[in-house]
Amino acid sequence: MHLGPRRSAVTLAALAAALAAASFGAAPSATSDAPRATAAEVTTLRDGQGRDLTVGLCMICHSLEYIPANAPAMNRAAWQKTIQKMRDRFGAPITDEDAKQILDYLATNYSGKSG
């Protein structure tokens, strides 16, 4: 079954929310003594132009922890290849303009490999 791009993005977002709830527990209730950490609280990406877009689109499918964890082995070309793989192989709802902004952000803030 093929869903349109908009429905696919909504479906992916709903799936990501369900997976996050299963992984990190439900949102804290009024009777909870200690709030539970969410994926966004576990890893905070560096400030910079494109951070919010990167967080919003990357978290649809995976934890933000992948970004700093992979940074030492990445450069601009590696990030570009990874973004394209996310779009082509995994169907990430990233437009060409989004991909450019995410690439600029990651290359500026999370590139540990020269070249």
PDB file of N, CA and C in Angstrom:
ATOM      1  N   MET A   1       0.849  -1.180   0.000  1.00  0.00           N
ATOM      2  CA  MET A   1       0.000   0.000   0.000  1.00  0.00           C
ATOM      3  C   MET A   1       0.882   1.226   0.000  1.00  0.00           C
ATOM      4  N   HIS A   2       0.603   2.176  -0.873  1.00  0.00           N
ATOM      5  CA  HIS A   2       1.402   3.392  -0.979  1.00  0.00           C
ATOM      6  C   HIS A   2       0.573   4.568  -0.467  1.00  0.00           C
ATOM      7  N   LEU A   3       1.120   5.270   0.511  1.00  0.00           N
ATOM      8  CA  LEU A   3       0.463   6.460   1.044  1.00  0.00           C
ATOM      9  C   LEU A   3       1.102   7.674   0.395  1.00  0.00           C
ATOM     10  N   GLY A   4       0.371   8.755   0.270  1.00  0.00           N
ATOM     11  CA  GLY A   4       0.944   9.986  -0.257  1.00  0.00           C
ATOM     12  C   GLY A   4       2.017  10.497   0.679  1.00  0.00           C
ATOM     13  N   PRO A   5       2.880  11.436   0.208  1.00  0.00           N
ATOM     14  CA  PRO A   5       3.976  11.931   1.035  1.00  0.00           C
ATOM     15  C   PRO A   5       3.513  12.523   2.356  1.00  0.00           C
ATOM     16  N   ARG A   6       2.430  13.258   2.343  1.00  0.00           N
ATOM     17  CA  ARG A   6       1.950  13.886   3.569  1.00  0.00           C
ATOM     18  C   ARG A   6       1.461  12.835   4.560  1.00  0.00           C
ATOM     19  N   ARG A   7       0.705  11.857   4.068  1.00  0.00           N
ATOM     20  CA  ARG A   7       0.214  10.793   4.947  1.00  0.00           C
ATOM     21  C   ARG A   7       1.348   9.933   5.458  1.00  0.00           C
ATOM     22  N   SER A   8       2.348   9.707   4.599  1.00  0.00           N
ATOM     23  CA  SER A   8       3.504   8.923   5.036  1.00  0.00           C
ATOM     24  C   SER A   8       4.229   9.619   6.169  1.00  0.00           C
ATOM     25  N   ALA A   9       4.403  10.935   6.069  1.00  0.00           N
ATOM     26  CA  ALA A   9       5.088  11.700   7.119  1.00  0.00           C
ATOM     27  C   ALA A   9       4.293  11.638   8.422  1.00  0.00           C
ATOM     28  N   VAL A  10       2.987  11.769   8.322  1.00  0.00           N
ATOM     29  CA  VAL A  10       2.147  11.701   9.514  1.00  0.00           C
ATOM     30  C   VAL A  10       2.223  10.307  10.126  1.00  0.00           C
ATOM     31  N   THR A  11       2.192   9.285   9.284  1.00  0.00           N
ATOM     32  CA  THR A  11       2.300   7.911   9.769  1.00  0.00           C
ATOM     33  C   THR A  11       3.647   7.679  10.433  1.00  0.00           C
ATOM     34  N   LEU A  12       4.723   8.162   9.820  1.00  0.00           N
ATOM     35  CA  LEU A  12       6.050   8.029  10.419  1.00  0.00           C
ATOM     36  C   LEU A  12       6.125   8.756  11.755  1.00  0.00           C
ATOM     37  N   ALA A  13       5.557   9.940  11.829  1.00  0.00           N
ATOM     38  CA  ALA A  13       5.575  10.700  13.079  1.00  0.00           C
ATOM     39  C   ALA A  13       4.805   9.960  14.172  1.00  0.00           C
ATOM     40  N   ALA A  14       3.664   9.386  13.824  1.00  0.00           N
ATOM     41  CA  ALA A  14       2.877   8.635  14.801  1.00  0.00           C
ATOM     42  C   ALA A  14       3.640   7.391  15.258  1.00  0.00           C
ATOM     43  N   LEU A  15       4.289   6.718  14.325  1.00  0.00           N
ATOM     44  CA  LEU A  15       5.082   5.544  14.665  1.00  0.00           C
ATOM     45  C   LEU A  15       6.240   5.923  15.573  1.00  0.00           C
ATOM     46  N   ALA A  16       6.927   7.022  15.253  1.00  0.00           N
ATOM     47  CA  ALA A  16       8.045   7.473  16.084  1.00  0.00           C
ATOM     48  C   ALA A  16       7.573   7.808  17.493  1.00  0.00           C
ATOM     49  N   ALA A  17       6.430   8.456  17.607  1.00  0.00           N
ATOM     50  CA  ALA A  17       5.889   8.799  18.930  1.00  0.00           C
ATOM     51  C   ALA A  17       5.552   7.530  19.720  1.00  0.00           C
ATOM     52  N   ALA A  18       4.984   6.547  19.045  1.00  0.00           N
ATOM     53  CA  ALA A  18       4.645   5.296  19.724  1.00  0.00           C
ATOM     54  C   ALA A  18       5.898   4.565  20.181  1.00  0.00           C
ATOM     55  N   LEU A  19       6.913   4.540  19.320  1.00  0.00           N
ATOM     56  CA  LEU A  19       8.170   3.892  19.688  1.00  0.00           C
ATOM     57  C   LEU A  19       8.853   4.622  20.841  1.00  0.00           C
ATOM     58  N   ALA A  20       8.822   5.943  20.805  1.00  0.00           N
ATOM     59  CA  ALA A  20       9.429   6.715  21.889  1.00  0.00           C
ATOM     60  C   ALA A  20       8.704   6.450  23.204  1.00  0.00           C
ATOM     61  N   ALA A  21       7.393   6.399  23.149  1.00  0.00           N
ATOM     62  CA  ALA A  21       6.623   6.128  24.369  1.00  0.00           C
ATOM     63  C   ALA A  21       6.949   4.738  24.912  1.00  0.00           C
ATOM     64  N   ALA A  22       7.096   3.770  24.014  1.00  0.00           N
ATOM     65  CA  ALA A  22       7.419   2.412  24.458  1.00  0.00           C
ATOM     66  C   ALA A  22       8.834   2.342  25.030  1.00  0.00           C
ATOM     67  N   SER A  23       9.758   3.093  24.432  1.00  0.00           N
ATOM     68  CA  SER A  23      11.156   3.061  24.869  1.00  0.00           C
ATOM     69  C   SER A  23      11.400   3.859  26.136  1.00  0.00           C
ATOM     70  N   PHE A  24      10.772   5.012  26.236  1.00  0.00           N
ATOM     71  CA  PHE A  24      11.066   5.930  27.337  1.00  0.00           C
ATOM     72  C   PHE A  24       9.944   6.015  28.358  1.00  0.00           C
ATOM     73  N   GLY A  25       8.886   5.297  28.147  1.00  0.00           N
ATOM     74  CA  GLY A  25       7.764   5.336  29.065  1.00  0.00           C
ATOM     75  C   GLY A  25       6.800   6.442  28.686  1.00  0.00           C
ATOM     76  N   ALA A  26       5.650   6.384  29.216  1.00  0.00           N
ATOM     77  CA  ALA A  26       4.628   7.383  28.931  1.00  0.00           C
ATOM     78  C   ALA A  26       5.011   8.696  29.577  1.00  0.00           C
ATOM     79  N   ALA A  27       4.353   9.741  29.161  1.00  0.00           N
ATOM     80  CA  ALA A  27       4.603  11.056  29.749  1.00  0.00           C
ATOM     81  C   ALA A  27       4.301  10.999  31.241  1.00  0.00           C
ATOM     82  N   PRO A  28       5.011  11.793  32.049  1.00  0.00           N
ATOM     83  CA  PRO A  28       4.774  11.739  33.490  1.00  0.00           C
ATOM     84  C   PRO A  28       3.347  12.146  33.827  1.00  0.00           C
ATOM     85  N   SER A  29       2.781  11.476  34.793  1.00  0.00           N
ATOM     86  CA  SER A  29       1.430  11.813  35.217  1.00  0.00           C
ATOM     87  C   SER A  29       1.500  12.830  36.352  1.00  0.00           C
ATOM     88  N   ALA A  30       0.364  13.350  36.716  1.00  0.00           N
ATOM     89  CA  ALA A  30       0.320  14.356  37.784  1.00  0.00           C
ATOM     90  C   ALA A  30       0.763  13.759  39.115  1.00  0.00           C
ATOM     91  N   THR A  31       0.640  12.447  39.254  1.00  0.00           N
ATOM     92  CA  THR A  31       1.017  11.804  40.511  1.00  0.00           C
ATOM     93  C   THR A  31       2.461  11.309  40.516  1.00  0.00           C
ATOM     94  N   SER A  32       3.158  11.455  39.412  1.00  0.00           N
ATOM     95  CA  SER A  32       4.540  10.976  39.327  1.00  0.00           C
ATOM     96  C   SER A  32       5.462  11.881  40.131  1.00  0.00           C
ATOM     97  N   ASP A  33       6.361  11.284  40.919  1.00  0.00           N
ATOM     98  CA  ASP A  33       7.323  12.057  41.702  1.00  0.00           C
ATOM     99  C   ASP A  33       8.451  12.615  40.845  1.00  0.00           C
ATOM    100  N   ALA A  34       8.962  11.822  39.900  1.00  0.00           N
ATOM    101  CA  ALA A  34      10.095  12.241  39.073  1.00  0.00           C
ATOM    102  C   ALA A  34       9.710  12.151  37.606  1.00  0.00           C
ATOM    103  N   PRO A  35       9.929  13.232  36.869  1.00  0.00           N
ATOM    104  CA  PRO A  35       9.613  13.174  35.430  1.00  0.00           C
ATOM    105  C   PRO A  35      10.562  12.233  34.713  1.00  0.00           C
ATOM    106  N   ARG A  36      10.057  11.586  33.687  1.00  0.00           N
ATOM    107  CA  ARG A  36      10.888  10.692  32.880  1.00  0.00           C
ATOM    108  C   ARG A  36      11.565  11.491  31.779  1.00  0.00           C
ATOM    109  N   ALA A  37      12.750  11.047  31.390  1.00  0.00           N
ATOM    110  CA  ALA A  37      13.475  11.712  30.309  1.00  0.00           C
ATOM    111  C   ALA A  37      12.842  11.343  28.974  1.00  0.00           C
ATOM    112  N   THR A  38      12.801  12.298  28.078  1.00  0.00           N
ATOM    113  CA  THR A  38      12.371  12.024  26.713  1.00  0.00           C
ATOM    114  C   THR A  38      13.613  11.978  25.845  1.00  0.00           C
ATOM    115  N   ALA A  39      13.471  11.507  24.615  1.00  0.00           N
ATOM    116  CA  ALA A  39      14.616  11.418  23.707  1.00  0.00           C
ATOM    117  C   ALA A  39      15.254  12.790  23.505  1.00  0.00           C
ATOM    118  N   ALA A  40      14.450  13.843  23.429  1.00  0.00           N
ATOM    119  CA  ALA A  40      14.990  15.188  23.216  1.00  0.00           C
ATOM    120  C   ALA A  40      15.812  15.647  24.411  1.00  0.00           C
ATOM    121  N   GLU A  41      15.470  15.184  25.624  1.00  0.00           N
ATOM    122  CA  GLU A  41      16.208  15.573  26.820  1.00  0.00           C
ATOM    123  C   GLU A  41      17.515  14.793  26.952  1.00  0.00           C
ATOM    124  N   VAL A  42      17.573  13.603  26.404  1.00  0.00           N
ATOM    125  CA  VAL A  42      18.760  12.776  26.517  1.00  0.00           C
ATOM    126  C   VAL A  42      19.909  13.391  25.732  1.00  0.00           C
ATOM    127  N   THR A  43      19.671  13.821  24.518  1.00  0.00           N
ATOM    128  CA  THR A  43      20.692  14.427  23.672  1.00  0.00           C
ATOM    129  C   THR A  43      20.186  15.762  23.165  1.00  0.00           C
ATOM    130  N   THR A  44      20.943  16.798  23.436  1.00  0.00           N
ATOM    131  CA  THR A  44      20.630  18.126  22.917  1.00  0.00           C
ATOM    132  C   THR A  44      21.705  18.488  21.908  1.00  0.00           C
ATOM    133  N   LEU A  45      21.300  18.801  20.707  1.00  0.00           N
ATOM    134  CA  LEU A  45      22.262  19.162  19.676  1.00  0.00           C
ATOM    135  C   LEU A  45      22.741  20.595  19.848  1.00  0.00           C
ATOM    136  N   ARG A  46      23.917  20.863  19.357  1.00  0.00           N
ATOM    137  CA  ARG A  46      24.517  22.197  19.443  1.00  0.00           C
ATOM    138  C   ARG A  46      23.634  23.238  18.766  1.00  0.00           C
ATOM    139  N   ASP A  47      23.651  24.450  19.332  1.00  0.00           N
ATOM    140  CA  ASP A  47      22.932  25.557  18.712  1.00  0.00           C
ATOM    141  C   ASP A  47      23.537  25.848  17.348  1.00  0.00           C
ATOM    142  N   GLY A  48      22.709  26.276  16.438  1.00  0.00           N
ATOM    143  CA  GLY A  48      23.177  26.645  15.119  1.00  0.00           C
ATOM    144  C   GLY A  48      22.018  26.692  14.150  1.00  0.00           C
ATOM    145  N   GLN A  49      22.247  27.385  13.054  1.00  0.00           N
ATOM    146  CA  GLN A  49      21.219  27.493  12.023  1.00  0.00           C
ATOM    147  C   GLN A  49      20.932  26.111  11.455  1.00  0.00           C
ATOM    148  N   GLY A  50      19.686  25.703  11.477  1.00  0.00           N
ATOM    149  CA  GLY A  50      19.278  24.399  10.978  1.00  0.00           C
ATOM    150  C   GLY A  50      19.093  23.349  12.052  1.00  0.00           C
ATOM    151  N   ARG A  51      19.412  23.689  13.306  1.00  0.00           N
ATOM    152  CA  ARG A  51      19.281  22.699  14.379  1.00  0.00           C
ATOM    153  C   ARG A  51      17.837  22.238  14.552  1.00  0.00           C
ATOM    154  N   ASP A  52      16.890  23.152  14.624  1.00  0.00           N
ATOM    155  CA  ASP A  52      15.498  22.770  14.869  1.00  0.00           C
ATOM    156  C   ASP A  52      14.956  21.881  13.746  1.00  0.00           C
ATOM    157  N   LEU A  53      15.298  22.208  12.509  1.00  0.00           N
ATOM    158  CA  LEU A  53      14.873  21.386  11.376  1.00  0.00           C
ATOM    159  C   LEU A  53      15.500  19.994  11.482  1.00  0.00           C
ATOM    160  N   THR A  54      16.783  19.946  11.803  1.00  0.00           N
ATOM    161  CA  THR A  54      17.490  18.672  11.938  1.00  0.00           C
ATOM    162  C   THR A  54      16.859  17.829  13.039  1.00  0.00           C
ATOM    163  N   VAL A  55      16.630  18.426  14.189  1.00  0.00           N
ATOM    164  CA  VAL A  55      16.003  17.703  15.302  1.00  0.00           C
ATOM    165  C   VAL A  55      14.633  17.177  14.873  1.00  0.00           C
ATOM    166  N   GLY A  56      13.822  18.040  14.314  1.00  0.00           N
ATOM    167  CA  GLY A  56      12.457  17.660  13.951  1.00  0.00           C
ATOM    168  C   GLY A  56      12.381  16.534  12.948  1.00  0.00           C
ATOM    169  N   LEU A  57      13.225  16.570  11.930  1.00  0.00           N
ATOM    170  CA  LEU A  57      13.146  15.549  10.896  1.00  0.00           C
ATOM    171  C   LEU A  57      13.901  14.272  11.252  1.00  0.00           C
ATOM    172  N   CYS A  58      15.015  14.391  11.925  1.00  0.00           N
ATOM    173  CA  CYS A  58      15.786  13.186  12.261  1.00  0.00           C
ATOM    174  C   CYS A  58      15.103  12.360  13.354  1.00  0.00           C
ATOM    175  N   MET A  59      14.467  13.045  14.307  1.00  0.00           N
ATOM    176  CA  MET A  59      13.812  12.325  15.404  1.00  0.00           C
ATOM    177  C   MET A  59      12.568  11.560  14.964  1.00  0.00           C
ATOM    178  N   ILE A  60      12.097  11.791  13.766  1.00  0.00           N
ATOM    179  CA  ILE A  60      10.952  11.021  13.279  1.00  0.00           C
ATOM    180  C   ILE A  60      11.307   9.534  13.268  1.00  0.00           C
ATOM    181  N   CYS A  61      12.572   9.241  12.951  1.00  0.00           N
ATOM    182  CA  CYS A  61      12.970   7.833  12.787  1.00  0.00           C
ATOM    183  C   CYS A  61      13.953   7.303  13.821  1.00  0.00           C
ATOM    184  N   HIS A  62      14.771   8.173  14.405  1.00  0.00           N
ATOM    185  CA  HIS A  62      15.795   7.662  15.320  1.00  0.00           C
ATOM    186  C   HIS A  62      16.182   8.691  16.369  1.00  0.00           C
ATOM    187  N   SER A  63      16.896   8.219  17.356  1.00  0.00           N
ATOM    188  CA  SER A  63      17.388   9.066  18.437  1.00  0.00           C
ATOM    189  C   SER A  63      18.406  10.071  17.914  1.00  0.00           C
ATOM    190  N   LEU A  64      18.469  11.221  18.558  1.00  0.00           N
ATOM    191  CA  LEU A  64      19.476  12.220  18.203  1.00  0.00           C
ATOM    192  C   LEU A  64      20.875  11.782  18.606  1.00  0.00           C
ATOM    193  N   GLU A  65      20.980  10.785  19.451  1.00  0.00           N
ATOM    194  CA  GLU A  65      22.287  10.309  19.896  1.00  0.00           C
ATOM    195  C   GLU A  65      23.149   9.816  18.743  1.00  0.00           C
ATOM    196  N   TYR A  66      22.540   9.421  17.641  1.00  0.00           N
ATOM    197  CA  TYR A  66      23.299   8.960  16.489  1.00  0.00           C
ATOM    198  C   TYR A  66      24.186  10.069  15.912  1.00  0.00           C
ATOM    199  N   ILE A  67      23.758  11.311  16.015  1.00  0.00           N
ATOM    200  CA  ILE A  67      24.501  12.409  15.387  1.00  0.00           C
ATOM    201  C   ILE A  67      25.857  12.630  16.056  1.00  0.00           C
ATOM    202  N   PRO A  68      25.926  12.930  17.359  1.00  0.00           N
ATOM    203  CA  PRO A  68      27.252  13.100  17.957  1.00  0.00           C
ATOM    204  C   PRO A  68      28.057  11.800  18.015  1.00  0.00           C
ATOM    205  N   ALA A  69      27.370  10.659  18.096  1.00  0.00           N
ATOM    206  CA  ALA A  69      28.082   9.378  18.133  1.00  0.00           C
ATOM    207  C   ALA A  69      28.824   9.111  16.828  1.00  0.00           C
ATOM    208  N   ASN A  70      28.234   9.514  15.707  1.00  0.00           N
ATOM    209  CA  ASN A  70      28.849   9.286  14.400  1.00  0.00           C
ATOM    210  C   ASN A  70      29.755  10.421  13.947  1.00  0.00           C
ATOM    211  N   ALA A  71      29.671  11.569  14.584  1.00  0.00           N
ATOM    212  CA  ALA A  71      30.408  12.766  14.160  1.00  0.00           C
ATOM    213  C   ALA A  71      31.904  12.557  13.962  1.00  0.00           C
ATOM    214  N   PRO A  72      32.606  11.827  14.835  1.00  0.00           N
ATOM    215  CA  PRO A  72      34.051  11.684  14.638  1.00  0.00           C
ATOM    216  C   PRO A  72      34.435  11.054  13.294  1.00  0.00           C
ATOM    217  N   ALA A  73      33.558  10.252  12.727  1.00  0.00           N
ATOM    218  CA  ALA A  73      33.856   9.579  11.464  1.00  0.00           C
ATOM    219  C   ALA A  73      33.236  10.278  10.259  1.00  0.00           C
ATOM    220  N   MET A  74      32.630  11.436  10.486  1.00  0.00           N
ATOM    221  CA  MET A  74      31.877  12.091   9.411  1.00  0.00           C
ATOM    222  C   MET A  74      32.532  13.383   8.946  1.00  0.00           C
ATOM    223  N   ASN A  75      32.345  13.680   7.664  1.00  0.00           N
ATOM    224  CA  ASN A  75      32.659  14.975   7.084  1.00  0.00           C
ATOM    225  C   ASN A  75      31.460  15.358   6.216  1.00  0.00           C
ATOM    226  N   ARG A  76      31.556  16.461   5.503  1.00  0.00           N
ATOM    227  CA  ARG A  76      30.416  16.927   4.717  1.00  0.00           C
ATOM    228  C   ARG A  76      29.937  15.859   3.726  1.00  0.00           C
ATOM    229  N   ALA A  77      30.870  15.233   3.024  1.00  0.00           N
ATOM    230  CA  ALA A  77      30.496  14.223   2.022  1.00  0.00           C
ATOM    231  C   ALA A  77      29.806  13.026   2.679  1.00  0.00           C
ATOM    232  N   ALA A  78      30.295  12.613   3.836  1.00  0.00           N
ATOM    233  CA  ALA A  78      29.690  11.477   4.536  1.00  0.00           C
ATOM    234  C   ALA A  78      28.288  11.822   5.029  1.00  0.00           C
ATOM    235  N   TRP A  79      28.111  13.042   5.552  1.00  0.00           N
ATOM    236  CA  TRP A  79      26.773  13.453   5.992  1.00  0.00           C
ATOM    237  C   TRP A  79      25.826  13.524   4.798  1.00  0.00           C
ATOM    238  N   GLN A  80      26.312  14.047   3.667  1.00  0.00           N
ATOM    239  CA  GLN A  80      25.459  14.143   2.479  1.00  0.00           C
ATOM    240  C   GLN A  80      25.009  12.753   2.034  1.00  0.00           C
ATOM    241  N   LYS A  81      25.927  11.810   2.026  1.00  0.00           N
ATOM    242  CA  LYS A  81      25.602  10.430   1.651  1.00  0.00           C
ATOM    243  C   LYS A  81      24.590   9.833   2.631  1.00  0.00           C
ATOM    244  N   THR A  82      24.764  10.104   3.911  1.00  0.00           N
ATOM    245  CA  THR A  82      23.855   9.579   4.934  1.00  0.00           C
ATOM    246  C   THR A  82      22.454  10.168   4.783  1.00  0.00           C
ATOM    247  N   ILE A  83      22.372  11.471   4.569  1.00  0.00           N
ATOM    248  CA  ILE A  83      21.062  12.114   4.382  1.00  0.00           C
ATOM    249  C   ILE A  83      20.362  11.525   3.163  1.00  0.00           C
ATOM    250  N   GLN A  84      21.104  11.339   2.078  1.00  0.00           N
ATOM    251  CA  GLN A  84      20.511  10.777   0.862  1.00  0.00           C
ATOM    252  C   GLN A  84      20.036   9.345   1.101  1.00  0.00           C
ATOM    253  N   LYS A  85      20.811   8.577   1.880  1.00  0.00           N
ATOM    254  CA  LYS A  85      20.400   7.207   2.213  1.00  0.00           C
ATOM    255  C   LYS A  85      19.104   7.229   3.022  1.00  0.00           C
ATOM    256  N   MET A  86      18.995   8.153   3.961  1.00  0.00           N
ATOM    257  CA  MET A  86      17.779   8.250   4.766  1.00  0.00           C
ATOM    258  C   MET A  86      16.572   8.539   3.877  1.00  0.00           C
ATOM    259  N   ARG A  87      16.766   9.372   2.875  1.00  0.00           N
ATOM    260  CA  ARG A  87      15.680   9.711   1.960  1.00  0.00           C
ATOM    261  C   ARG A  87      15.344   8.542   1.036  1.00  0.00           C
ATOM    262  N   ASP A  88      16.367   7.992   0.379  1.00  0.00           N
ATOM    263  CA  ASP A  88      16.146   6.964  -0.643  1.00  0.00           C
ATOM    264  C   ASP A  88      15.772   5.601  -0.070  1.00  0.00           C
ATOM    265  N   ARG A  89      16.526   5.147   0.906  1.00  0.00           N
ATOM    266  CA  ARG A  89      16.354   3.788   1.410  1.00  0.00           C
ATOM    267  C   ARG A  89      15.281   3.693   2.486  1.00  0.00           C
ATOM    268  N   PHE A  90      15.196   4.738   3.327  1.00  0.00           N
ATOM    269  CA  PHE A  90      14.278   4.661   4.464  1.00  0.00           C
ATOM    270  C   PHE A  90      13.051   5.555   4.321  1.00  0.00           C
ATOM    271  N   GLY A  91      12.971   6.316   3.235  1.00  0.00           N
ATOM    272  CA  GLY A  91      11.789   7.126   2.971  1.00  0.00           C
ATOM    273  C   GLY A  91      11.606   8.331   3.874  1.00  0.00           C
ATOM    274  N   ALA A  92      12.703   8.856   4.414  1.00  0.00           N
ATOM    275  CA  ALA A  92      12.604  10.034   5.279  1.00  0.00           C
ATOM    276  C   ALA A  92      11.959  11.188   4.505  1.00  0.00           C
ATOM    277  N   PRO A  93      10.987  11.866   5.114  1.00  0.00           N
ATOM    278  CA  PRO A  93      10.262  12.947   4.430  1.00  0.00           C
ATOM    279  C   PRO A  93      11.070  14.249   4.429  1.00  0.00           C
ATOM    280  N   ILE A  94      12.194  14.239   3.715  1.00  0.00           N
ATOM    281  CA  ILE A  94      13.113  15.381   3.679  1.00  0.00           C
ATOM    282  C   ILE A  94      13.136  15.926   2.257  1.00  0.00           C
ATOM    283  N   THR A  95      12.765  17.192   2.103  1.00  0.00           N
ATOM    284  CA  THR A  95      12.801  17.829   0.792  1.00  0.00           C
ATOM    285  C   THR A  95      14.244  18.173   0.426  1.00  0.00           C
ATOM    286  N   ASP A  96      14.462  18.566  -0.816  1.00  0.00           N
ATOM    287  CA  ASP A  96      15.803  18.985  -1.240  1.00  0.00           C
ATOM    288  C   ASP A  96      16.288  20.164  -0.405  1.00  0.00           C
ATOM    289  N   GLU A  97      15.418  21.131  -0.141  1.00  0.00           N
ATOM    290  CA  GLU A  97      15.803  22.301   0.659  1.00  0.00           C
ATOM    291  C   GLU A  97      16.099  21.896   2.101  1.00  0.00           C
ATOM    292  N   ASP A  98      15.268  21.017   2.672  1.00  0.00           N
ATOM    293  CA  ASP A  98      15.531  20.511   4.022  1.00  0.00           C
ATOM    294  C   ASP A  98      16.887  19.810   4.071  1.00  0.00           C
ATOM    295  N   ALA A  99      17.165  18.976   3.068  1.00  0.00           N
ATOM    296  CA  ALA A  99      18.425  18.227   3.023  1.00  0.00           C
ATOM    297  C   ALA A  99      19.615  19.180   3.003  1.00  0.00           C
ATOM    298  N   LYS A 100      19.511  20.262   2.258  1.00  0.00           N
ATOM    299  CA  LYS A 100      20.612  21.233   2.196  1.00  0.00           C
ATOM    300  C   LYS A 100      20.836  21.884   3.556  1.00  0.00           C
ATOM    301  N   GLN A 101      19.750  22.271   4.219  1.00  0.00           N
ATOM    302  CA  GLN A 101      19.873  22.913   5.534  1.00  0.00           C
ATOM    303  C   GLN A 101      20.415  21.942   6.584  1.00  0.00           C
ATOM    304  N   ILE A 102      19.943  20.708   6.554  1.00  0.00           N
ATOM    305  CA  ILE A 102      20.437  19.701   7.498  1.00  0.00           C
ATOM    306  C   ILE A 102      21.917  19.429   7.241  1.00  0.00           C
ATOM    307  N   LEU A 103      22.284  19.292   5.972  1.00  0.00           N
ATOM    308  CA  LEU A 103      23.685  19.055   5.624  1.00  0.00           C
ATOM    309  C   LEU A 103      24.567  20.201   6.105  1.00  0.00           C
ATOM    310  N   ASP A 104      24.154  21.434   5.866  1.00  0.00           N
ATOM    311  CA  ASP A 104      24.942  22.587   6.324  1.00  0.00           C
ATOM    312  C   ASP A 104      25.102  22.563   7.841  1.00  0.00           C
ATOM    313  N   TYR A 105      24.027  22.250   8.552  1.00  0.00           N
ATOM    314  CA  TYR A 105      24.084  22.192  10.014  1.00  0.00           C
ATOM    315  C   TYR A 105      25.039  21.097  10.494  1.00  0.00           C
ATOM    316  N   LEU A 106      24.869  19.882   9.961  1.00  0.00           N
ATOM    317  CA  LEU A 106      25.701  18.766  10.410  1.00  0.00           C
ATOM    318  C   LEU A 106      27.163  18.955  10.023  1.00  0.00           C
ATOM    319  N   ALA A 107      27.419  19.436   8.826  1.00  0.00           N
ATOM    320  CA  ALA A 107      28.801  19.646   8.378  1.00  0.00           C
ATOM    321  C   ALA A 107      29.493  20.705   9.225  1.00  0.00           C
ATOM    322  N   THR A 108      28.762  21.712   9.641  1.00  0.00           N
ATOM    323  CA  THR A 108      29.327  22.792  10.465  1.00  0.00           C
ATOM    324  C   THR A 108      29.538  22.355  11.906  1.00  0.00           C
ATOM    325  N   ASN A 109      28.621  21.605  12.447  1.00  0.00           N
ATOM    326  CA  ASN A 109      28.620  21.313  13.883  1.00  0.00           C
ATOM    327  C   ASN A 109      29.043  19.902  14.282  1.00  0.00           C
ATOM    328  N   TYR A 110      29.006  18.958  13.356  1.00  0.00           N
ATOM    329  CA  TYR A 110      29.260  17.562  13.712  1.00  0.00           C
ATOM    330  C   TYR A 110      30.130  16.841  12.687  1.00  0.00           C
ATOM    331  N   SER A 111      31.196  17.476  12.257  1.00  0.00           N
ATOM    332  CA  SER A 111      32.148  16.831  11.360  1.00  0.00           C
ATOM    333  C   SER A 111      33.480  16.703  12.054  1.00  0.00           C
ATOM    334  N   GLY A 112      33.879  15.463  12.306  1.00  0.00           N
ATOM    335  CA  GLY A 112      35.138  15.237  12.997  1.00  0.00           C
ATOM    336  C   GLY A 112      36.247  14.747  12.100  1.00  0.00           C
ATOM    337  N   LYS A 113      35.900  14.347  10.874  1.00  0.00           N
ATOM    338  CA  LYS A 113      36.867  13.796   9.942  1.00  0.00           C
ATOM    339  C   LYS A 113      37.209  14.855   8.904  1.00  0.00           C
ATOM    340  N   SER A 114      38.473  15.063   8.642  1.00  0.00           N
ATOM    341  CA  SER A 114      38.851  16.048   7.629  1.00  0.00           C
ATOM    342  C   SER A 114      38.695  15.436   6.236  1.00  0.00           C
ATOM    343  N   GLY A 115      38.565  16.321   5.248  1.00  0.00           N
ATOM    344  CA  GLY A 115      38.489  15.851   3.864  1.00  0.00           C
ATOM    345  C   GLY A 115      37.139  15.808   3.409  1.00  0.00           C
TER     346      GLY A 115
END
